[in-house]
Protein backbone atom coordinates (compact mmCIF):
# COMPACT_ATOMS: atom_id res chain seq x y z
CA MET A 1 0.00 0.00 0.00
CA GLY A 2 1.32 3.43 -0.91
CA LYS A 3 2.06 6.10 1.67
CA GLN A 4 1.43 9.79 1.18
CA PHE A 5 3.49 12.67 2.55
CA GLY A 6 3.15 16.45 2.50
CA ALA A 7 6.84 16.87 1.66
CA LEU A 8 9.96 14.90 0.83
CA THR A 9 11.61 13.21 3.79
CA ASP A 10 15.38 12.90 4.19
CA LYS A 11 15.05 9.26 3.07
CA HIS A 12 13.21 10.36 -0.10
CA ILE A 13 15.86 12.98 -0.89
CA GLU A 14 18.63 10.41 -0.46
CA PHE A 15 16.73 7.99 -2.74
CA ILE A 16 16.29 10.67 -5.43
CA GLY A 17 20.01 11.43 -5.31
CA LEU A 18 20.83 7.82 -6.17
CA GLN A 19 18.60 7.61 -9.25
CA LYS A 20 20.10 7.78 -12.75
CA ILE A 21 16.75 8.30 -14.48
CA TYR A 22 13.47 10.00 -13.64
CA PHE A 23 10.21 10.49 -15.50
CA VAL A 24 8.23 13.72 -15.96
CA ALA A 25 4.49 13.67 -16.74
CA THR A 26 2.42 16.66 -17.86
CA ALA A 27 -0.91 17.21 -19.58
CA ALA A 28 -3.20 20.01 -20.64
CA SER A 29 -6.93 19.58 -19.94
CA THR A 30 -7.30 18.24 -23.49
CA GLY A 31 -4.93 16.53 -25.88
CA THR A 32 -2.09 14.13 -25.37
CA VAL A 33 -0.58 13.22 -22.00
CA ASN A 34 3.22 13.41 -22.10
CA LEU A 35 5.66 11.24 -20.17
CA SER A 36 9.37 11.90 -20.70
CA PRO A 37 12.40 10.06 -19.34
CA LYS A 38 15.16 12.35 -18.08
CA GLY A 39 18.68 11.65 -16.93
CA GLY A 40 22.14 13.02 -16.46
CA ASP A 41 22.94 15.63 -13.86
CA SER A 42 19.70 17.53 -14.53
CA LEU A 43 17.69 17.50 -11.28
CA ARG A 44 18.11 19.26 -7.94
CA VAL A 45 16.07 18.93 -4.76
CA LEU A 46 16.05 22.50 -3.50
CA ASP A 47 14.15 21.75 -0.29
CA ALA A 48 11.52 19.29 0.97
CA ASN A 49 8.83 20.88 -1.22
CA THR A 50 10.77 22.07 -4.27
CA ILE A 51 12.51 20.35 -7.17
CA ALA A 52 14.22 22.05 -10.12
CA TRP A 53 15.14 20.28 -13.33
CA GLN A 54 17.06 21.39 -16.39
CA ASN A 55 15.21 20.79 -19.66
CA LEU A 56 17.62 20.31 -22.53
CA THR A 57 16.95 20.78 -26.23
CA GLY A 58 15.02 17.89 -27.73
CA SER A 59 12.85 16.96 -30.67
CA GLY A 60 9.69 17.98 -28.82
CA ASN A 61 8.77 20.55 -26.19
CA GLU A 62 5.62 19.04 -24.69
CA SER A 63 6.21 19.87 -21.03
CA ALA A 64 6.54 23.58 -21.83
CA ALA A 65 3.31 23.67 -23.83
CA HIS A 66 1.42 21.75 -21.15
CA ILE A 67 2.62 23.89 -18.23
CA LEU A 68 1.31 26.99 -20.01
CA LYS A 69 -2.12 25.32 -20.14
CA ASP A 70 -2.13 23.51 -16.78
CA THR A 71 0.62 23.71 -14.17
CA ARG A 72 0.23 20.13 -12.90
CA MET A 73 3.36 18.01 -13.09
CA THR A 74 4.36 14.64 -11.68
CA ILE A 75 7.95 13.46 -11.39
CA MET A 76 8.47 9.75 -10.77
CA PHE A 77 11.58 7.97 -9.56
CA CYS A 78 11.90 4.19 -9.26
CA ALA A 79 14.59 1.86 -8.01
CA PHE A 80 16.13 -0.41 -10.64
CA ASP A 81 18.60 -1.84 -8.12
CA GLY A 82 18.66 -2.30 -4.36
CA ALA A 83 15.47 -2.20 -2.31
CA PRO A 84 12.28 -1.72 -4.35
CA MET A 85 10.56 1.66 -4.28
CA ILE A 86 8.60 4.00 -6.52
CA LEU A 87 8.44 7.64 -5.50
CA ARG A 88 6.13 10.18 -7.11
CA THR A 89 6.15 13.92 -6.51
CA TYR A 90 2.94 15.71 -7.47
CA GLY A 91 2.71 19.46 -7.71
CA GLN A 92 2.47 22.69 -9.63
CA ALA A 93 5.27 23.68 -11.98
CA ARG A 94 6.53 26.84 -13.54
CA MET A 95 9.23 27.27 -16.13
CA LEU A 96 12.08 29.68 -16.55
CA HIS A 97 13.67 30.81 -19.81
CA GLN A 98 16.82 32.79 -20.62
CA SER A 99 14.93 36.10 -20.50
CA ASP A 100 13.58 35.52 -16.97
CA THR A 101 15.31 37.38 -14.13
CA GLU A 102 15.68 34.16 -12.08
CA TRP A 103 17.35 32.28 -14.95
CA GLY A 104 20.96 32.73 -13.80
CA GLN A 105 20.18 31.77 -10.21
CA TYR A 106 18.72 28.42 -11.28
CA CYS A 107 20.87 27.79 -14.36
CA ASP A 108 23.98 27.95 -12.16
CA LEU A 109 22.72 24.89 -10.24
CA PHE A 110 23.34 22.66 -13.27
CA PRO A 111 26.24 21.80 -15.56
CA LYS A 112 26.63 24.46 -18.23
CA SER A 113 24.99 23.39 -21.47
CA GLN A 114 24.38 25.37 -24.61
CA GLY A 115 21.31 23.18 -25.08
CA THR A 116 19.52 24.28 -21.90
CA ARG A 117 16.06 25.24 -23.09
CA GLN A 118 14.12 25.78 -19.87
CA ILE A 119 14.37 25.13 -16.17
CA PHE A 120 11.26 23.80 -14.48
CA ILE A 121 10.53 24.43 -10.82
CA LEU A 122 8.10 21.97 -9.19
CA ASP A 123 6.36 23.09 -6.01
CA ILE A 124 5.42 19.78 -4.41
CA ASP A 125 1.86 19.34 -3.10
CA MET A 126 2.13 15.63 -2.30
CA VAL A 127 4.69 12.84 -2.28
CA GLN A 128 3.66 9.21 -2.65
CA SER A 129 5.81 6.14 -2.12
CA SER A 130 4.83 2.67 -3.25
CA CYS A 131 6.48 -0.72 -3.15
CA GLY A 132 7.89 -1.09 -6.67
CA MET A 133 8.20 -4.86 -6.23
CA SER A 134 7.32 -5.52 -9.89
CA VAL A 135 9.93 -3.09 -11.29
CA PRO A 136 12.71 -5.14 -12.92
CA TYR A 137 16.39 -4.87 -12.08
CA PHE A 138 18.59 -2.98 -14.55
CA ASP A 139 22.31 -2.30 -14.47
CA TYR A 140 23.36 1.29 -15.13
CA GLN A 141 26.13 1.51 -17.72
CA ASP A 142 26.69 5.20 -18.44
CA ASP A 143 24.97 8.46 -19.36
CA ARG A 144 24.41 9.10 -23.05
CA HIS A 145 26.53 11.96 -24.35
CA ASP A 146 24.97 12.30 -27.82
CA LEU A 147 22.91 15.40 -26.97
CA SER A 148 25.76 17.27 -25.27
CA ARG A 149 28.05 16.49 -28.23
CA TRP A 150 25.37 17.76 -30.61
CA THR A 151 24.77 21.03 -28.74
CA ASP A 152 28.45 21.63 -27.90
CA ASN A 153 29.33 21.54 -31.60
CA ARG A 154 26.81 24.22 -32.56
CA GLU A 155 26.56 27.95 -32.19
CA LYS A 156 23.78 29.30 -29.98
CA SER A 157 22.13 30.70 -33.14
CA ASP A 158 22.01 27.16 -34.61
CA ILE A 159 20.27 25.84 -31.50
CA GLU A 160 17.79 28.72 -31.55
CA ALA A 161 17.07 27.95 -35.22
CA TYR A 162 16.36 24.36 -34.18
CA TRP A 163 13.98 25.61 -31.46
CA ARG A 164 12.17 27.69 -34.09
CA LYS A 165 11.82 24.69 -36.36
CA LYS A 166 11.04 21.92 -33.86
CA ASN A 167 10.06 23.38 -30.47
CA GLN A 168 7.42 26.09 -30.98
CA HIS A 169 4.35 23.85 -30.71
CA SER A 170 3.36 20.64 -28.99
CA ILE A 171 2.10 17.66 -30.97
CA ASP A 172 -1.41 18.93 -30.17
CA GLY A 173 -0.56 22.37 -31.59
CA PHE A 174 -0.24 24.19 -28.25
CA ASP A 175 2.23 27.10 -28.23
CA THR A 176 5.36 26.63 -26.12
CA GLU A 177 6.22 30.36 -26.15
CA ILE A 178 9.90 29.45 -26.57
CA ILE A 179 10.53 32.26 -29.06
CA LYS A 180 9.02 34.97 -26.87
CA ARG A 181 10.21 33.58 -23.51
CA ALA A 182 13.80 32.93 -24.65
CA GLY A 183 14.08 36.54 -25.84
CA MET A 184 14.53 35.56 -29.50
CA PRO A 185 13.39 37.86 -32.34
CA VAL A 186 9.86 36.85 -33.32
CA ASP A 187 10.23 37.40 -37.06
CA ALA A 188 13.60 35.72 -37.73
CA ASP A 189 13.82 33.33 -40.66
CA ILE A 190 13.97 29.61 -39.94
CA GLU A 191 17.06 27.97 -41.36
CA GLU A 192 16.94 24.34 -42.40
CA ASN A 193 19.33 22.30 -40.22
């Protein structure tokens, strides 16, 4: 039986720190529910009721579009080794872009990456733990470095052109506001990359 908490406990925070992968779920009131795996050194527990995570450039931008429509977000962690456990954090999220005054304060918490697209801040309403006894064992091998190699070998203008081409709308057509919120010129031409 799952247990519910009003905040992360020290045990939960320690568990989160050991995980190599986490999953982020968002949804607008209509359209497609999104669930994205995340990894690398991209998540920070700021306090018992706050998590920040670094959203890197990708082929979609669903979480951003959804948070503009509905601020609900769930982040799930599960043990793939050691004692079984699933931990879910439910709450309300907001996102920061390069043009936001808080950007530097939060961006400095993470490894520098030219591909950083947004930083999400989750204010936790509820934490739920459950047994996780049916989650299989997996051995961690290494982080993937493909994305960092891709972004590190491009100019910022190339990455912004990619955002224009691939990241302006969700698969349901919802606006992500990446152009406006990242401080990019609205009428710039889209280059084919």
